[in-house]
Amino acid sequence: MDAIQTAQYARALYGAHGDKAEAEAAEKARSCAAANRTAEAEQWQAVREAIRQLRGPNQG
């Protein structure tokens, strides 16, 4: 997943789940890491970071 796809996915997830989107992405990253799906876990972590940027400062 490239940077543009990551940003698009983050916007879609944030639009659908609001403030819970970051937590959902974090949970998916943990789940993938626990299942040794490292590349997928890294992608979810990137989505989480993109969501954090969308939320802006002081939003947790």
N, C-alpha and C. Protein backbone atom coordinates (compact mmCIF):
# COMPACT_ATOMS: atom_id res chain seq x y z
N MET A 1 0.87 -1.17 0.00
CA MET A 1 0.00 0.00 0.00
C MET A 1 0.92 1.23 0.00
N ASP A 2 0.73 2.10 -0.96
CA ASP A 2 1.56 3.31 -1.02
C ASP A 2 0.94 4.41 -0.15
N ALA A 3 1.62 5.54 -0.08
CA ALA A 3 1.20 6.64 0.79
C ALA A 3 -0.18 7.17 0.43
N ILE A 4 -0.47 7.26 -0.86
CA ILE A 4 -1.77 7.76 -1.29
C ILE A 4 -2.88 6.80 -0.89
N GLN A 5 -2.66 5.52 -1.10
CA GLN A 5 -3.66 4.53 -0.70
C GLN A 5 -3.87 4.53 0.81
N THR A 6 -2.78 4.68 1.55
CA THR A 6 -2.87 4.73 3.01
C THR A 6 -3.72 5.91 3.44
N ALA A 7 -3.48 7.07 2.87
CA ALA A 7 -4.25 8.27 3.21
C ALA A 7 -5.71 8.12 2.84
N GLN A 8 -5.98 7.54 1.69
CA GLN A 8 -7.37 7.33 1.27
C GLN A 8 -8.08 6.37 2.22
N TYR A 9 -7.41 5.29 2.58
CA TYR A 9 -8.01 4.32 3.48
C TYR A 9 -8.25 4.94 4.85
N ALA A 10 -7.29 5.73 5.31
CA ALA A 10 -7.44 6.40 6.61
C ALA A 10 -8.64 7.35 6.61
N ARG A 11 -8.78 8.12 5.53
CA ARG A 11 -9.93 9.05 5.44
C ARG A 11 -11.25 8.29 5.43
N ALA A 12 -11.29 7.18 4.70
CA ALA A 12 -12.52 6.39 4.63
C ALA A 12 -12.84 5.78 6.00
N LEU A 13 -11.84 5.25 6.66
CA LEU A 13 -12.06 4.64 7.98
C LEU A 13 -12.48 5.69 9.00
N TYR A 14 -11.83 6.85 8.95
CA TYR A 14 -12.18 7.94 9.87
C TYR A 14 -13.59 8.46 9.58
N GLY A 15 -13.94 8.56 8.31
CA GLY A 15 -15.28 9.00 7.94
C GLY A 15 -16.36 8.04 8.41
N ALA A 16 -16.05 6.75 8.38
CA ALA A 16 -17.02 5.74 8.77
C ALA A 16 -17.10 5.55 10.28
N HIS A 17 -15.96 5.67 10.98
CA HIS A 17 -15.92 5.33 12.40
C HIS A 17 -15.60 6.50 13.32
N GLY A 18 -15.30 7.64 12.76
CA GLY A 18 -15.01 8.81 13.59
C GLY A 18 -13.84 8.59 14.51
N ASP A 19 -13.98 9.02 15.76
CA ASP A 19 -12.89 8.96 16.72
C ASP A 19 -12.48 7.53 17.08
N LYS A 20 -13.30 6.55 16.76
CA LYS A 20 -12.96 5.16 17.06
C LYS A 20 -12.08 4.55 15.97
N ALA A 21 -11.86 5.24 14.88
CA ALA A 21 -11.10 4.71 13.75
C ALA A 21 -9.65 4.42 14.13
N GLU A 22 -9.03 5.30 14.88
CA GLU A 22 -7.63 5.07 15.27
C GLU A 22 -7.50 3.82 16.14
N ALA A 23 -8.41 3.65 17.06
CA ALA A 23 -8.38 2.46 17.92
C ALA A 23 -8.61 1.19 17.10
N GLU A 24 -9.48 1.27 16.13
CA GLU A 24 -9.74 0.11 15.28
C GLU A 24 -8.49 -0.26 14.46
N ALA A 25 -7.82 0.74 13.91
CA ALA A 25 -6.60 0.48 13.15
C ALA A 25 -5.52 -0.10 14.06
N ALA A 26 -5.41 0.40 15.28
CA ALA A 26 -4.43 -0.12 16.23
C ALA A 26 -4.72 -1.58 16.57
N GLU A 27 -5.97 -1.91 16.77
CA GLU A 27 -6.35 -3.28 17.07
C GLU A 27 -6.02 -4.21 15.90
N LYS A 28 -6.29 -3.76 14.70
CA LYS A 28 -5.97 -4.58 13.52
C LYS A 28 -4.46 -4.77 13.40
N ALA A 29 -3.68 -3.73 13.70
CA ALA A 29 -2.22 -3.84 13.66
C ALA A 29 -1.74 -4.87 14.69
N ARG A 30 -2.29 -4.81 15.91
CA ARG A 30 -1.91 -5.77 16.95
C ARG A 30 -2.28 -7.19 16.55
N SER A 31 -3.46 -7.35 16.00
CA SER A 31 -3.94 -8.66 15.58
C SER A 31 -3.04 -9.26 14.50
N CYS A 32 -2.69 -8.45 13.54
CA CYS A 32 -1.82 -8.91 12.45
C CYS A 32 -0.42 -9.25 12.98
N ALA A 33 0.10 -8.44 13.87
CA ALA A 33 1.41 -8.69 14.45
C ALA A 33 1.41 -10.00 15.23
N ALA A 34 0.34 -10.24 15.98
CA ALA A 34 0.24 -11.47 16.75
C ALA A 34 0.18 -12.70 15.85
N ALA A 35 -0.36 -12.53 14.65
CA ALA A 35 -0.47 -13.62 13.69
C ALA A 35 0.74 -13.69 12.76
N ASN A 36 1.80 -12.94 13.11
CA ASN A 36 3.04 -12.90 12.31
C ASN A 36 2.82 -12.42 10.88
N ARG A 37 1.82 -11.56 10.68
CA ARG A 37 1.60 -10.92 9.37
C ARG A 37 2.21 -9.52 9.46
N THR A 38 3.52 -9.48 9.46
CA THR A 38 4.27 -8.25 9.73
C THR A 38 3.96 -7.14 8.73
N ALA A 39 3.95 -7.45 7.46
CA ALA A 39 3.71 -6.42 6.43
C ALA A 39 2.33 -5.80 6.61
N GLU A 40 1.34 -6.63 6.88
CA GLU A 40 -0.02 -6.14 7.07
C GLU A 40 -0.11 -5.30 8.35
N ALA A 41 0.59 -5.72 9.39
CA ALA A 41 0.61 -4.96 10.64
C ALA A 41 1.23 -3.58 10.41
N GLU A 42 2.29 -3.52 9.61
CA GLU A 42 2.93 -2.24 9.31
C GLU A 42 1.99 -1.33 8.51
N GLN A 43 1.22 -1.92 7.61
CA GLN A 43 0.25 -1.13 6.85
C GLN A 43 -0.82 -0.55 7.77
N TRP A 44 -1.31 -1.35 8.69
CA TRP A 44 -2.32 -0.85 9.63
C TRP A 44 -1.74 0.23 10.54
N GLN A 45 -0.47 0.07 10.90
CA GLN A 45 0.16 1.11 11.72
C GLN A 45 0.26 2.42 10.94
N ALA A 46 0.56 2.33 9.65
CA ALA A 46 0.62 3.52 8.81
C ALA A 46 -0.75 4.16 8.69
N VAL A 47 -1.80 3.35 8.59
CA VAL A 47 -3.17 3.87 8.54
C VAL A 47 -3.49 4.58 9.86
N ARG A 48 -3.07 3.98 10.96
CA ARG A 48 -3.31 4.59 12.27
C ARG A 48 -2.64 5.96 12.37
N GLU A 49 -1.40 6.05 11.91
CA GLU A 49 -0.70 7.32 11.94
C GLU A 49 -1.39 8.36 11.05
N ALA A 50 -1.88 7.94 9.90
CA ALA A 50 -2.60 8.86 9.00
C ALA A 50 -3.89 9.35 9.66
N ILE A 51 -4.58 8.48 10.37
CA ILE A 51 -5.80 8.87 11.08
C ILE A 51 -5.45 9.88 12.16
N ARG A 52 -4.35 9.64 12.86
CA ARG A 52 -3.93 10.57 13.91
C ARG A 52 -3.69 11.96 13.32
N GLN A 53 -3.08 12.01 12.14
CA GLN A 53 -2.85 13.30 11.49
C GLN A 53 -4.16 13.95 11.06
N LEU A 54 -5.12 13.15 10.62
CA LEU A 54 -6.43 13.70 10.25
C LEU A 54 -7.13 14.32 11.45
N ARG A 55 -7.00 13.67 12.59
CA ARG A 55 -7.66 14.15 13.80
C ARG A 55 -7.08 15.47 14.28
N GLY A 56 -5.81 15.70 14.00
CA GLY A 56 -5.18 16.94 14.38
C GLY A 56 -4.61 16.92 15.78
N PRO A 57 -3.99 18.02 16.19
CA PRO A 57 -3.34 18.08 17.52
C PRO A 57 -4.35 18.05 18.65
N ASN A 58 -3.87 17.55 19.76
CA ASN A 58 -4.66 17.52 21.00
C ASN A 58 -5.91 16.65 20.91
N GLN A 59 -5.87 15.64 20.06
CA GLN A 59 -7.03 14.75 19.95
C GLN A 59 -6.73 13.36 20.47
N GLY A 60 -5.66 13.21 21.18
CA GLY A 60 -5.33 11.93 21.79
C GLY A 60 -4.28 11.27 21.04
